[in-house]
Amino acid sequence: LLLLQNALHVPSMDHNLLPPFMLRQAGVTVNDIPKIQVEHPTDRDHALISPPDDFIIPLSLHGVFSYFPTSKPSMEQLQS
């Protein structure tokens, strides 16, 4: 379960917005260069890396936009 503070929620949109500036202000490393543009890519490239344990969220591309899939957890998922 990933909890985010200061994420933007627009009810009419079917996705969530995370401004890189806000992530960086919170101490998250934002590696937003696509792996195709990195000479020797690793799992830390094109990813969000959150301290203190270096939790890595890999990013994907949709056209020129970086993203990672999210969903609202079900009650069953929250209770397990």
PDB file of N, CA and C in Angstrom:
ATOM      1  N   LEU A   1       0.857  -1.169   0.000  1.00  0.00           N
ATOM      2  CA  LEU A   1       0.000   0.000   0.000  1.00  0.00           C
ATOM      3  C   LEU A   1       0.899   1.227   0.000  1.00  0.00           C
ATOM      4  N   LEU A   2       0.654   2.102  -0.936  1.00  0.00           N
ATOM      5  CA  LEU A   2       1.440   3.317  -1.074  1.00  0.00           C
ATOM      6  C   LEU A   2       0.563   4.497  -0.675  1.00  0.00           C
ATOM      7  N   LEU A   3       0.981   5.230   0.340  1.00  0.00           N
ATOM      8  CA  LEU A   3       0.249   6.418   0.784  1.00  0.00           C
ATOM      9  C   LEU A   3       1.005   7.647   0.323  1.00  0.00           C
ATOM     10  N   LEU A   4       0.278   8.581  -0.269  1.00  0.00           N
ATOM     11  CA  LEU A   4       0.903   9.796  -0.780  1.00  0.00           C
ATOM     12  C   LEU A   4       0.272  11.017  -0.143  1.00  0.00           C
ATOM     13  N   GLN A   5       1.118  11.933   0.261  1.00  0.00           N
ATOM     14  CA  GLN A   5       0.643  13.219   0.745  1.00  0.00           C
ATOM     15  C   GLN A   5       0.895  14.245  -0.345  1.00  0.00           C
ATOM     16  N   ASN A   6      -0.014  15.179  -0.493  1.00  0.00           N
ATOM     17  CA  ASN A   6       0.104  16.257  -1.472  1.00  0.00           C
ATOM     18  C   ASN A   6       0.027  15.783  -2.920  1.00  0.00           C
ATOM     19  N   ALA A   7      -0.580  14.625  -3.165  1.00  0.00           N
ATOM     20  CA  ALA A   7      -0.839  14.202  -4.543  1.00  0.00           C
ATOM     21  C   ALA A   7      -2.046  14.990  -5.042  1.00  0.00           C
ATOM     22  N   LEU A   8      -2.112  15.200  -6.318  1.00  0.00           N
ATOM     23  CA  LEU A   8      -3.245  15.917  -6.894  1.00  0.00           C
ATOM     24  C   LEU A   8      -4.337  14.938  -7.263  1.00  0.00           C
ATOM     25  N   HIS A   9      -5.549  15.217  -6.818  1.00  0.00           N
ATOM     26  CA  HIS A   9      -6.695  14.381  -7.161  1.00  0.00           C
ATOM     27  C   HIS A   9      -7.702  15.236  -7.903  1.00  0.00           C
ATOM     28  N   VAL A  10      -7.989  14.848  -9.137  1.00  0.00           N
ATOM     29  CA  VAL A  10      -8.999  15.530  -9.941  1.00  0.00           C
ATOM     30  C   VAL A  10     -10.072  14.488 -10.239  1.00  0.00           C
ATOM     31  N   PRO A  11     -11.255  14.600  -9.607  1.00  0.00           N
ATOM     32  CA  PRO A  11     -12.276  13.556  -9.739  1.00  0.00           C
ATOM     33  C   PRO A  11     -12.638  13.189 -11.175  1.00  0.00           C
ATOM     34  N   SER A  12     -12.539  14.123 -12.103  1.00  0.00           N
ATOM     35  CA  SER A  12     -12.919  13.831 -13.491  1.00  0.00           C
ATOM     36  C   SER A  12     -11.820  13.086 -14.258  1.00  0.00           C
ATOM     37  N   MET A  13     -10.645  12.918 -13.657  1.00  0.00           N
ATOM     38  CA  MET A  13      -9.538  12.230 -14.323  1.00  0.00           C
ATOM     39  C   MET A  13      -9.472  10.788 -13.858  1.00  0.00           C
ATOM     40  N   ASP A  14      -9.035   9.902 -14.739  1.00  0.00           N
ATOM     41  CA  ASP A  14      -8.923   8.490 -14.376  1.00  0.00           C
ATOM     42  C   ASP A  14      -7.487   8.110 -14.000  1.00  0.00           C
ATOM     43  N   HIS A  15      -6.641   9.102 -13.726  1.00  0.00           N
ATOM     44  CA  HIS A  15      -5.278   8.832 -13.276  1.00  0.00           C
ATOM     45  C   HIS A  15      -4.884   9.870 -12.224  1.00  0.00           C
ATOM     46  N   ASN A  16      -3.779   9.617 -11.559  1.00  0.00           N
ATOM     47  CA  ASN A  16      -3.285  10.493 -10.502  1.00  0.00           C
ATOM     48  C   ASN A  16      -2.071  11.260 -10.998  1.00  0.00           C
ATOM     49  N   LEU A  17      -1.911  12.475 -10.509  1.00  0.00           N
ATOM     50  CA  LEU A  17      -0.774  13.303 -10.906  1.00  0.00           C
ATOM     51  C   LEU A  17       0.195  13.459  -9.735  1.00  0.00           C
ATOM     52  N   LEU A  18       1.457  13.221 -10.000  1.00  0.00           N
ATOM     53  CA  LEU A  18       2.503  13.394  -8.989  1.00  0.00           C
ATOM     54  C   LEU A  18       3.557  14.344  -9.557  1.00  0.00           C
ATOM     55  N   PRO A  19       3.515  15.603  -9.191  1.00  0.00           N
ATOM     56  CA  PRO A  19       4.518  16.534  -9.717  1.00  0.00           C
ATOM     57  C   PRO A  19       5.917  16.158  -9.243  1.00  0.00           C
ATOM     58  N   PRO A  20       6.868  16.020 -10.164  1.00  0.00           N
ATOM     59  CA  PRO A  20       8.244  15.688  -9.771  1.00  0.00           C
ATOM     60  C   PRO A  20       8.810  16.651  -8.725  1.00  0.00           C
ATOM     61  N   PHE A  21       8.467  17.935  -8.828  1.00  0.00           N
ATOM     62  CA  PHE A  21       8.941  18.911  -7.852  1.00  0.00           C
ATOM     63  C   PHE A  21       8.520  18.520  -6.441  1.00  0.00           C
ATOM     64  N   MET A  22       7.263  18.122  -6.264  1.00  0.00           N
ATOM     65  CA  MET A  22       6.754  17.743  -4.944  1.00  0.00           C
ATOM     66  C   MET A  22       7.437  16.466  -4.452  1.00  0.00           C
ATOM     67  N   LEU A  23       7.651  15.503  -5.357  1.00  0.00           N
ATOM     68  CA  LEU A  23       8.343  14.272  -4.966  1.00  0.00           C
ATOM     69  C   LEU A  23       9.754  14.577  -4.482  1.00  0.00           C
ATOM     70  N   ARG A  24      10.442  15.419  -5.231  1.00  0.00           N
ATOM     71  CA  ARG A  24      11.819  15.770  -4.842  1.00  0.00           C
ATOM     72  C   ARG A  24      11.839  16.517  -3.515  1.00  0.00           C
ATOM     73  N   GLN A  25      10.873  17.398  -3.284  1.00  0.00           N
ATOM     74  CA  GLN A  25      10.787  18.118  -2.016  1.00  0.00           C
ATOM     75  C   GLN A  25      10.601  17.153  -0.846  1.00  0.00           C
ATOM     76  N   ALA A  26       9.947  16.020  -1.111  1.00  0.00           N
ATOM     77  CA  ALA A  26       9.700  15.016  -0.072  1.00  0.00           C
ATOM     78  C   ALA A  26      10.877  14.052   0.082  1.00  0.00           C
ATOM     79  N   GLY A  27      11.962  14.270  -0.667  1.00  0.00           N
ATOM     80  CA  GLY A  27      13.140  13.424  -0.534  1.00  0.00           C
ATOM     81  C   GLY A  27      13.178  12.233  -1.469  1.00  0.00           C
ATOM     82  N   VAL A  28      12.204  12.128  -2.363  1.00  0.00           N
ATOM     83  CA  VAL A  28      12.172  11.028  -3.333  1.00  0.00           C
ATOM     84  C   VAL A  28      13.100  11.371  -4.497  1.00  0.00           C
ATOM     85  N   THR A  29      13.908  10.413  -4.902  1.00  0.00           N
ATOM     86  CA  THR A  29      14.748  10.589  -6.084  1.00  0.00           C
ATOM     87  C   THR A  29      13.895  10.302  -7.304  1.00  0.00           C
ATOM     88  N   VAL A  30      13.849  11.246  -8.237  1.00  0.00           N
ATOM     89  CA  VAL A  30      13.063  11.093  -9.460  1.00  0.00           C
ATOM     90  C   VAL A  30      14.038  10.937 -10.619  1.00  0.00           C
ATOM     91  N   ASN A  31      14.195   9.698 -11.084  1.00  0.00           N
ATOM     92  CA  ASN A  31      15.033   9.415 -12.251  1.00  0.00           C
ATOM     93  C   ASN A  31      14.092   9.279 -13.443  1.00  0.00           C
ATOM     94  N   ASP A  32      13.864  10.403 -14.129  1.00  0.00           N
ATOM     95  CA  ASP A  32      12.835  10.427 -15.164  1.00  0.00           C
ATOM     96  C   ASP A  32      13.356  10.289 -16.593  1.00  0.00           C
ATOM     97  N   ILE A  33      14.642   9.987 -16.748  1.00  0.00           N
ATOM     98  CA  ILE A  33      15.183   9.747 -18.092  1.00  0.00           C
ATOM     99  C   ILE A  33      14.834   8.315 -18.494  1.00  0.00           C
ATOM    100  N   PRO A  34      14.131   8.123 -19.620  1.00  0.00           N
ATOM    101  CA  PRO A  34      13.769   6.761 -20.047  1.00  0.00           C
ATOM    102  C   PRO A  34      15.003   5.881 -20.243  1.00  0.00           C
ATOM    103  N   LYS A  35      14.859   4.599 -19.926  1.00  0.00           N
ATOM    104  CA  LYS A  35      15.994   3.665 -20.028  1.00  0.00           C
ATOM    105  C   LYS A  35      16.575   3.600 -21.430  1.00  0.00           C
ATOM    106  N   ILE A  36      15.752   3.842 -22.447  1.00  0.00           N
ATOM    107  CA  ILE A  36      16.239   3.797 -23.822  1.00  0.00           C
ATOM    108  C   ILE A  36      17.281   4.892 -24.080  1.00  0.00           C
ATOM    109  N   GLN A  37      17.275   5.936 -23.233  1.00  0.00           N
ATOM    110  CA  GLN A  37      18.226   7.035 -23.389  1.00  0.00           C
ATOM    111  C   GLN A  37      19.404   6.937 -22.415  1.00  0.00           C
ATOM    112  N   VAL A  38      19.502   5.807 -21.696  1.00  0.00           N
ATOM    113  CA  VAL A  38      20.593   5.595 -20.737  1.00  0.00           C
ATOM    114  C   VAL A  38      21.533   4.538 -21.316  1.00  0.00           C
ATOM    115  N   GLU A  39      22.828   4.817 -21.288  1.00  0.00           N
ATOM    116  CA  GLU A  39      23.792   3.913 -21.909  1.00  0.00           C
ATOM    117  C   GLU A  39      23.808   2.521 -21.260  1.00  0.00           C
ATOM    118  N   HIS A  40      23.816   2.466 -19.938  1.00  0.00           N
ATOM    119  CA  HIS A  40      23.830   1.188 -19.215  1.00  0.00           C
ATOM    120  C   HIS A  40      22.735   1.218 -18.144  1.00  0.00           C
ATOM    121  N   PRO A  41      21.477   0.992 -18.539  1.00  0.00           N
ATOM    122  CA  PRO A  41      20.376   1.140 -17.578  1.00  0.00           C
ATOM    123  C   PRO A  41      20.393   0.081 -16.477  1.00  0.00           C
ATOM    124  N   THR A  42      19.943   0.505 -15.305  1.00  0.00           N
ATOM    125  CA  THR A  42      19.780  -0.386 -14.154  1.00  0.00           C
ATOM    126  C   THR A  42      18.346  -0.245 -13.652  1.00  0.00           C
ATOM    127  N   ASP A  43      18.016  -0.959 -12.586  1.00  0.00           N
ATOM    128  CA  ASP A  43      16.668  -0.851 -12.030  1.00  0.00           C
ATOM    129  C   ASP A  43      16.427   0.501 -11.376  1.00  0.00           C
ATOM    130  N   ARG A  44      17.484   1.284 -11.162  1.00  0.00           N
ATOM    131  CA  ARG A  44      17.348   2.617 -10.557  1.00  0.00           C
ATOM    132  C   ARG A  44      17.098   3.699 -11.607  1.00  0.00           C
ATOM    133  N   ASP A  45      17.253   3.359 -12.888  1.00  0.00           N
ATOM    134  CA  ASP A  45      16.970   4.311 -13.964  1.00  0.00           C
ATOM    135  C   ASP A  45      15.485   4.266 -14.303  1.00  0.00           C
ATOM    136  N   HIS A  46      14.956   5.415 -14.708  1.00  0.00           N
ATOM    137  CA  HIS A  46      13.528   5.584 -15.014  1.00  0.00           C
ATOM    138  C   HIS A  46      12.676   5.005 -13.884  1.00  0.00           C
ATOM    139  N   ALA A  47      12.926   5.541 -12.688  1.00  0.00           N
ATOM    140  CA  ALA A  47      12.262   5.032 -11.490  1.00  0.00           C
ATOM    141  C   ALA A  47      12.174   6.126 -10.431  1.00  0.00           C
ATOM    142  N   LEU A  48      11.264   5.915  -9.492  1.00  0.00           N
ATOM    143  CA  LEU A  48      11.189   6.726  -8.285  1.00  0.00           C
ATOM    144  C   LEU A  48      11.848   5.919  -7.173  1.00  0.00           C
ATOM    145  N   ILE A  49      12.702   6.565  -6.401  1.00  0.00           N
ATOM    146  CA  ILE A  49      13.409   5.869  -5.328  1.00  0.00           C
ATOM    147  C   ILE A  49      13.153   6.627  -4.030  1.00  0.00           C
ATOM    148  N   SER A  50      12.504   5.933  -3.100  1.00  0.00           N
ATOM    149  CA  SER A  50      12.078   6.563  -1.859  1.00  0.00           C
ATOM    150  C   SER A  50      12.949   6.129  -0.684  1.00  0.00           C
ATOM    151  N   PRO A  51      13.456   7.120   0.070  1.00  0.00           N
ATOM    152  CA  PRO A  51      14.199   6.785   1.264  1.00  0.00           C
ATOM    153  C   PRO A  51      13.234   6.351   2.368  1.00  0.00           C
ATOM    154  N   PRO A  52      13.639   5.778   3.460  1.00  0.00           N
ATOM    155  CA  PRO A  52      15.031   5.537   3.820  1.00  0.00           C
ATOM    156  C   PRO A  52      15.549   4.198   3.316  1.00  0.00           C
ATOM    157  N   ASP A  53      14.677   3.334   2.811  1.00  0.00           N
ATOM    158  CA  ASP A  53      15.106   1.979   2.434  1.00  0.00           C
ATOM    159  C   ASP A  53      15.294   1.807   0.931  1.00  0.00           C
ATOM    160  N   ASP A  54      15.337   2.896   0.174  1.00  0.00           N
ATOM    161  CA  ASP A  54      15.517   2.844  -1.277  1.00  0.00           C
ATOM    162  C   ASP A  54      14.448   2.002  -1.969  1.00  0.00           C
ATOM    163  N   PHE A  55      13.203   2.170  -1.539  1.00  0.00           N
ATOM    164  CA  PHE A  55      12.078   1.501  -2.199  1.00  0.00           C
ATOM    165  C   PHE A  55      11.981   2.029  -3.623  1.00  0.00           C
ATOM    166  N   ILE A  56      12.020   1.129  -4.615  1.00  0.00           N
ATOM    167  CA  ILE A  56      12.062   1.528  -6.025  1.00  0.00           C
ATOM    168  C   ILE A  56      10.714   1.267  -6.684  1.00  0.00           C
ATOM    169  N   ILE A  57      10.184   2.312  -7.331  1.00  0.00           N
ATOM    170  CA  ILE A  57       8.972   2.193  -8.144  1.00  0.00           C
ATOM    171  C   ILE A  57       9.395   2.401  -9.593  1.00  0.00           C
ATOM    172  N   PRO A  58       9.419   1.333 -10.405  1.00  0.00           N
ATOM    173  CA  PRO A  58       9.818   1.498 -11.807  1.00  0.00           C
ATOM    174  C   PRO A  58       8.758   2.268 -12.588  1.00  0.00           C
ATOM    175  N   LEU A  59       9.207   3.082 -13.515  1.00  0.00           N
ATOM    176  CA  LEU A  59       8.309   3.860 -14.356  1.00  0.00           C
ATOM    177  C   LEU A  59       8.186   3.216 -15.735  1.00  0.00           C
ATOM    178  N   SER A  60       7.047   3.443 -16.369  1.00  0.00           N
ATOM    179  CA  SER A  60       6.808   3.020 -17.753  1.00  0.00           C
ATOM    180  C   SER A  60       6.567   4.274 -18.580  1.00  0.00           C
ATOM    181  N   LEU A  61       6.496   4.107 -19.890  1.00  0.00           N
ATOM    182  CA  LEU A  61       6.223   5.237 -20.786  1.00  0.00           C
ATOM    183  C   LEU A  61       4.897   5.040 -21.500  1.00  0.00           C
ATOM    184  N   HIS A  62       4.150   6.122 -21.610  1.00  0.00           N
ATOM    185  CA  HIS A  62       2.961   6.190 -22.465  1.00  0.00           C
ATOM    186  C   HIS A  62       3.202   7.393 -23.365  1.00  0.00           C
ATOM    187  N   GLY A  63       3.673   7.124 -24.581  1.00  0.00           N
ATOM    188  CA  GLY A  63       4.117   8.223 -25.434  1.00  0.00           C
ATOM    189  C   GLY A  63       5.357   8.836 -24.815  1.00  0.00           C
ATOM    190  N   VAL A  64       5.277  10.113 -24.450  1.00  0.00           N
ATOM    191  CA  VAL A  64       6.412  10.792 -23.824  1.00  0.00           C
ATOM    192  C   VAL A  64       6.207  10.976 -22.324  1.00  0.00           C
ATOM    193  N   PHE A  65       5.139  10.414 -21.779  1.00  0.00           N
ATOM    194  CA  PHE A  65       4.820  10.598 -20.364  1.00  0.00           C
ATOM    195  C   PHE A  65       5.225   9.381 -19.540  1.00  0.00           C
ATOM    196  N   SER A  66       5.945   9.638 -18.453  1.00  0.00           N
ATOM    197  CA  SER A  66       6.317   8.576 -17.518  1.00  0.00           C
ATOM    198  C   SER A  66       5.164   8.343 -16.553  1.00  0.00           C
ATOM    199  N   TYR A  67       4.957   7.074 -16.172  1.00  0.00           N
ATOM    200  CA  TYR A  67       3.874   6.746 -15.260  1.00  0.00           C
ATOM    201  C   TYR A  67       4.160   5.431 -14.557  1.00  0.00           C
ATOM    202  N   PHE A  68       3.387   5.159 -13.512  1.00  0.00           N
ATOM    203  CA  PHE A  68       3.311   3.820 -12.943  1.00  0.00           C
ATOM    204  C   PHE A  68       1.850   3.567 -12.623  1.00  0.00           C
ATOM    205  N   PRO A  69       1.392   2.331 -12.862  1.00  0.00           N
ATOM    206  CA  PRO A  69      -0.027   2.040 -12.663  1.00  0.00           C
ATOM    207  C   PRO A  69      -0.406   2.076 -11.184  1.00  0.00           C
ATOM    208  N   THR A  70      -1.588   2.598 -10.915  1.00  0.00           N
ATOM    209  CA  THR A  70      -2.126   2.640  -9.552  1.00  0.00           C
ATOM    210  C   THR A  70      -3.576   2.165  -9.585  1.00  0.00           C
ATOM    211  N   SER A  71      -4.065   1.776  -8.427  1.00  0.00           N
ATOM    212  CA  SER A  71      -5.480   1.412  -8.305  1.00  0.00           C
ATOM    213  C   SER A  71      -5.899   1.577  -6.856  1.00  0.00           C
ATOM    214  N   LYS A  72      -7.171   1.758  -6.669  1.00  0.00           N
ATOM    215  CA  LYS A  72      -7.725   1.853  -5.324  1.00  0.00           C
ATOM    216  C   LYS A  72      -7.840   0.435  -4.763  1.00  0.00           C
ATOM    217  N   PRO A  73      -7.311   0.197  -3.555  1.00  0.00           N
ATOM    218  CA  PRO A  73      -7.399  -1.158  -3.009  1.00  0.00           C
ATOM    219  C   PRO A  73      -8.828  -1.514  -2.609  1.00  0.00           C
ATOM    220  N   SER A  74      -9.138  -2.774  -2.757  1.00  0.00           N
ATOM    221  CA  SER A  74     -10.453  -3.250  -2.326  1.00  0.00           C
ATOM    222  C   SER A  74     -10.452  -3.391  -0.805  1.00  0.00           C
ATOM    223  N   MET A  75     -11.613  -3.528  -0.198  1.00  0.00           N
ATOM    224  CA  MET A  75     -11.705  -3.733   1.240  1.00  0.00           C
ATOM    225  C   MET A  75     -10.964  -5.007   1.628  1.00  0.00           C
ATOM    226  N   GLU A  76     -11.076  -6.032   0.798  1.00  0.00           N
ATOM    227  CA  GLU A  76     -10.386  -7.311   1.068  1.00  0.00           C
ATOM    228  C   GLU A  76      -8.874  -7.106   1.117  1.00  0.00           C
ATOM    229  N   GLN A  77      -8.349  -6.340   0.171  1.00  0.00           N
ATOM    230  CA  GLN A  77      -6.907  -6.070   0.146  1.00  0.00           C
ATOM    231  C   GLN A  77      -6.481  -5.268   1.381  1.00  0.00           C
ATOM    232  N   LEU A  78      -7.300  -4.313   1.803  1.00  0.00           N
ATOM    233  CA  LEU A  78      -6.959  -3.516   2.968  1.00  0.00           C
ATOM    234  C   LEU A  78      -6.955  -4.325   4.252  1.00  0.00           C
ATOM    235  N   GLN A  79      -7.794  -5.334   4.305  1.00  0.00           N
ATOM    236  CA  GLN A  79      -7.929  -6.135   5.524  1.00  0.00           C
ATOM    237  C   GLN A  79      -6.898  -7.271   5.598  1.00  0.00           C
ATOM    238  N   SER A  80      -6.202  -7.552   4.492  1.00  0.00           N
ATOM    239  CA  SER A  80      -5.229  -8.647   4.516  1.00  0.00           C
ATOM    240  C   SER A  80      -3.833  -8.145   4.819  1.00  0.00           C
TER     241      SER A  80
END
